[in-house]
């Protein structure tokens, strides 16, 4: 690379100044001669000194920039760690809120619970994945509920560190329920698409829209008294001996984040094939 003529002249002057200074310091020249030479070459010496100061300042600026870059990278690392810590704190606060609500309802006194977090959802299959599995004593058939004592579904498949939960709206889920306010009992059936139907209610039993529907322990699938939803549109006619109704599920699937698994409460009629235990890699093949 060729340097500009102007820069070459500057470097030549600087080099000449250095040679001159060395000659004056390391040769035997009388004081009078040195004084005269210094006086006559003063402009050159000043130019050399200024140029040296400029170069020195440039080198210091380079080191200062490098230090600033390192400090900036260190600060960015600290900010990233703080953001991660704040995110974890927010998650812990949510978990603590859910635990407090569950404790307030006395769920911990009635059941052995394991808290889990939703890590995935399959809206087409009315199912979700949670971050607890066989390593956390989870088994197929265990009920899954919220801290507000709302039934969500039941564990259908168990892996080492994850589990699949079939929602109560899953087409494969059917369970006994009670309709509050009139001592009516019937059967809840999942229809898929986050829809649920109430069936086998005698036609002569009066039920109304908005009546709460809760789980019944009669079928052994869910514990008694967990909220399922509310009665919506009612269908009855003179031909059928039973009336049916739509049920609005009490949970909003998009807001289901923290859930509780009821340990030990197991519906024994779930086929053994649904209780497969496998490694995490099996989840990816689902």
Foldseek 3Di string as FASTA:
>chain_A
DDDDPVVVVLVVLLVVLVVVVVCVVPDDDDPVVVVVVCVVCVVSNVSNVVVVVVVVVVVVVVVVVVVVVVVVVVVVVVVVVVVVVVVVVVVVVVVVVQVVLLVVVVVVVVFPKDKWWWDADDQQQQKTKTFAFVCNVDWFLWWKFGSNLATFFTWQEGEHGMTMGHGCLGQVHKAKKAFPPFRWIFMWGRDGNQWIKTKDTFPVGDDDWFTWIWGDCVQLRDHGDGTQATWHAKDDDPPDRMIMTIGNGPDDVVPRTMMMTGRPSGDPPRDPVRHDYYHPVVVVVD
